[in-house]
């Protein structure tokens, strides 16, 4: 006689936005996951160490430590954990770093539960060459701004000072998605 296990896969959801966590957590539970929520890397770390999840959704920019710290820890605890990184500050540099640290996929916010579940099935590869295209000046500028923003832990004012740019100008540039490249 064989035993049938009807256990839901464990999923750790980490984002400092409590409302977002509530909505996304319920949506993922409806899709069959046993969701545990944490509102920062510091809160998620002991949960992950006690019971490494099969799946994780991690925000990149949170109060306290970066989500990349948690991605690295989750991957070290269990390399089979499928990790999706969510961010409102998407850039090629942070995407590559997240994948190298063990993320399965990197999605820009807003992302819905179906996109996240689909991303769990994505096979990561940092060896896959990016399309051979010449980046536009706007694209290069946008990536540089995002790299400096990351170095300043998401602080818009500090980034504007580092770039010798007015804060509102920086915010407008960050809101625009560069075409091409």
Protein backbone atom coordinates (compact mmCIF):
# COMPACT_ATOMS: atom_id res chain seq x y z
CA UNK A 1 0.00 0.00 0.00
CA UNK A 2 1.54 3.32 -1.06
CA UNK A 3 1.07 6.51 0.88
CA UNK A 4 -0.21 9.54 -0.99
CA UNK A 5 1.22 12.85 0.11
CA UNK A 6 -0.97 15.87 -0.45
CA UNK A 7 1.45 18.42 0.92
CA UNK A 8 1.46 21.88 -0.62
CA UNK A 9 4.86 23.18 -1.75
CA UNK A 10 6.33 25.72 0.68
CA UNK A 11 6.77 29.29 -0.51
CA UNK A 12 8.50 32.14 1.32
CA UNK A 13 7.20 35.60 0.30
CA UNK A 14 9.46 38.48 1.37
CA UNK A 15 8.49 42.12 0.75
CA UNK A 16 8.34 45.13 3.04
CA UNK A 17 4.94 46.16 1.62
CA UNK A 18 2.42 44.42 3.92
CA UNK A 19 -0.56 45.10 1.63
CA UNK A 20 1.25 43.68 -1.40
CA UNK A 21 2.25 40.60 0.64
CA UNK A 22 -1.34 40.05 1.75
CA UNK A 23 -2.77 40.22 -1.77
CA UNK A 24 0.00 38.19 -3.43
CA UNK A 25 0.10 35.67 -0.57
CA UNK A 26 -3.62 34.92 -0.93
CA UNK A 27 -3.30 34.64 -4.72
CA UNK A 28 -0.40 32.18 -4.38
CA UNK A 29 -2.28 30.13 -1.76
CA UNK A 30 -5.16 29.82 -4.27
CA UNK A 31 -2.59 28.40 -6.70
CA UNK A 32 -1.62 25.63 -4.29
CA UNK A 33 1.32 27.01 -2.29
CA UNK A 34 1.75 27.01 1.49
CA UNK A 35 2.82 30.65 1.89
CA UNK A 36 4.91 32.08 4.71
CA UNK A 37 5.32 35.87 4.72
CA UNK A 38 8.19 38.00 6.05
CA UNK A 39 8.56 41.76 5.73
CA UNK A 40 12.34 41.95 5.42
CA UNK A 41 15.54 39.94 5.10
CA UNK A 42 16.07 40.02 8.87
CA UNK A 43 12.63 38.46 9.50
CA UNK A 44 12.96 35.94 6.65
CA UNK A 45 16.40 34.61 7.57
CA UNK A 46 15.40 32.56 10.65
CA UNK A 47 12.33 31.23 8.81
CA UNK A 48 14.48 30.07 5.90
CA UNK A 49 17.12 28.56 8.18
CA UNK A 50 14.49 26.64 10.17
CA UNK A 51 12.83 25.25 7.05
CA UNK A 52 14.28 26.12 3.62
CA UNK A 53 11.35 26.74 1.25
CA UNK A 54 10.84 25.02 -2.07
CA UNK A 55 9.92 28.39 -3.62
CA UNK A 56 10.62 32.01 -2.73
CA UNK A 57 9.50 35.41 -3.95
CA UNK A 58 11.91 38.11 -2.79
CA UNK A 59 11.69 41.88 -3.25
CA UNK A 60 15.01 43.43 -4.23
CA UNK A 61 14.73 46.76 -2.38
CA UNK A 62 13.49 46.61 1.21
CA UNK A 63 14.16 48.44 4.44
CA UNK A 64 17.31 46.90 5.86
CA UNK A 65 19.32 44.40 3.85
CA UNK A 66 18.89 43.95 0.10
CA UNK A 67 16.86 41.03 -1.19
CA UNK A 68 20.05 39.80 -2.89
CA UNK A 69 21.43 38.90 0.56
CA UNK A 70 18.43 36.61 1.06
CA UNK A 71 18.72 35.14 -2.46
CA UNK A 72 22.29 34.12 -1.68
CA UNK A 73 21.31 32.62 1.69
CA UNK A 74 18.34 30.70 0.25
CA UNK A 75 20.54 29.28 -2.51
CA UNK A 76 23.20 28.25 0.03
CA UNK A 77 20.58 26.57 2.25
CA UNK A 78 19.04 24.64 -0.66
CA UNK A 79 20.26 25.05 -4.26
CA UNK A 80 16.98 23.52 -5.47
CA UNK A 81 14.89 26.42 -4.10
CA UNK A 82 13.19 28.21 -6.99
CA UNK A 83 13.63 31.96 -6.33
CA UNK A 84 11.90 34.82 -8.14
CA UNK A 85 13.24 38.32 -7.46
CA UNK A 86 10.76 41.19 -7.80
CA UNK A 87 11.83 44.79 -8.20
CA UNK A 88 10.57 48.22 -9.07
CA UNK A 89 14.16 49.15 -9.99
CA UNK A 90 14.91 46.70 -12.79
CA UNK A 91 18.30 46.82 -14.47
CA UNK A 92 20.48 44.38 -16.34
CA UNK A 93 23.19 44.66 -13.67
CA UNK A 94 20.91 43.63 -10.79
CA UNK A 95 19.25 40.94 -12.90
CA UNK A 96 22.60 39.33 -13.70
CA UNK A 97 23.68 39.59 -10.06
CA UNK A 98 20.42 38.00 -8.84
CA UNK A 99 20.76 35.08 -11.27
CA UNK A 100 24.42 34.54 -10.33
CA UNK A 101 23.44 34.44 -6.65
CA UNK A 102 20.85 31.73 -7.32
CA UNK A 103 17.62 33.37 -8.47
CA UNK A 104 15.51 31.46 -10.97
CA UNK A 105 14.01 34.58 -12.51
CA UNK A 106 13.93 38.36 -12.11
CA UNK A 107 10.65 40.22 -12.68
CA UNK A 108 9.77 43.91 -12.70
CA UNK A 109 6.90 45.07 -10.52
CA UNK A 110 4.03 44.96 -10.89
CA UNK A 111 3.98 41.20 -11.45
CA UNK A 112 0.91 39.09 -10.82
CA UNK A 113 0.68 35.61 -9.30
CA UNK A 114 0.40 33.88 -12.69
CA UNK A 115 3.60 35.58 -13.94
CA UNK A 116 5.40 34.57 -10.75
CA UNK A 117 4.26 30.94 -10.97
CA UNK A 118 5.35 30.85 -14.63
CA UNK A 119 8.73 32.31 -13.61
CA UNK A 120 9.31 29.41 -11.20
CA UNK A 121 9.45 27.13 -14.26
CA UNK A 122 12.03 29.32 -16.03
CA UNK A 123 15.49 27.83 -16.35
CA UNK A 124 18.11 30.42 -15.37
CA UNK A 125 21.28 30.85 -17.33
CA UNK A 126 23.87 33.57 -16.99
CA UNK A 127 25.78 31.96 -19.86
CA UNK A 128 23.04 32.69 -22.40
CA UNK A 129 24.34 35.64 -24.41
CA UNK A 130 22.17 38.73 -24.52
CA UNK A 131 20.97 39.73 -27.95
CA UNK A 132 23.75 41.27 -29.97
CA UNK A 133 22.37 44.77 -30.25
CA UNK A 134 24.00 48.11 -29.80
CA UNK A 135 22.44 49.81 -26.81
CA UNK A 136 20.92 53.22 -27.33
CA UNK A 137 22.35 56.20 -25.45
CA UNK A 138 19.09 56.39 -23.49
CA UNK A 139 19.40 52.73 -22.50
CA UNK A 140 23.03 53.14 -21.40
CA UNK A 141 22.13 56.24 -19.37
CA UNK A 142 19.20 54.42 -17.74
CA UNK A 143 21.39 51.45 -16.80
CA UNK A 144 24.10 53.74 -15.38
CA UNK A 145 21.50 55.62 -13.32
CA UNK A 146 20.14 52.31 -11.98
CA UNK A 147 23.64 51.09 -11.14
CA UNK A 148 24.34 54.30 -9.15
CA UNK A 149 20.89 53.98 -7.52
CA UNK A 150 21.77 50.44 -6.43
CA UNK A 151 25.10 51.65 -5.01
CA UNK A 152 23.12 54.20 -2.97
CA UNK A 153 20.69 51.53 -1.67
CA UNK A 154 17.75 53.07 -3.57
CA UNK A 155 18.20 56.54 -2.07
CA UNK A 156 17.00 58.96 -4.77
CA UNK A 157 18.52 62.08 -3.16
CA UNK A 158 21.96 60.49 -2.70
CA UNK A 159 21.85 59.16 -6.26
CA UNK A 160 20.90 62.58 -7.64
CA UNK A 161 23.86 64.14 -5.78
CA UNK A 162 26.22 61.42 -7.05
CA UNK A 163 25.06 62.03 -10.63
CA UNK A 164 25.08 65.84 -10.21
CA UNK A 165 21.43 65.87 -11.26
CA UNK A 166 18.29 67.44 -9.83
CA UNK A 167 16.22 64.93 -7.84
CA UNK A 168 13.05 65.50 -9.90
CA UNK A 169 14.97 65.07 -13.15
CA UNK A 170 16.32 61.78 -11.81
CA UNK A 171 12.83 60.61 -10.84
CA UNK A 172 11.53 61.41 -14.35
CA UNK A 173 14.41 59.48 -15.95
CA UNK A 174 13.78 56.48 -13.67
CA UNK A 175 10.09 56.46 -14.55
CA UNK A 176 10.86 56.20 -18.28
CA UNK A 177 11.72 52.87 -19.84
CA UNK A 178 14.35 53.37 -22.52
CA UNK A 179 13.46 52.08 -25.97
CA UNK A 180 15.77 49.67 -27.73
CA UNK A 181 19.14 48.29 -26.84
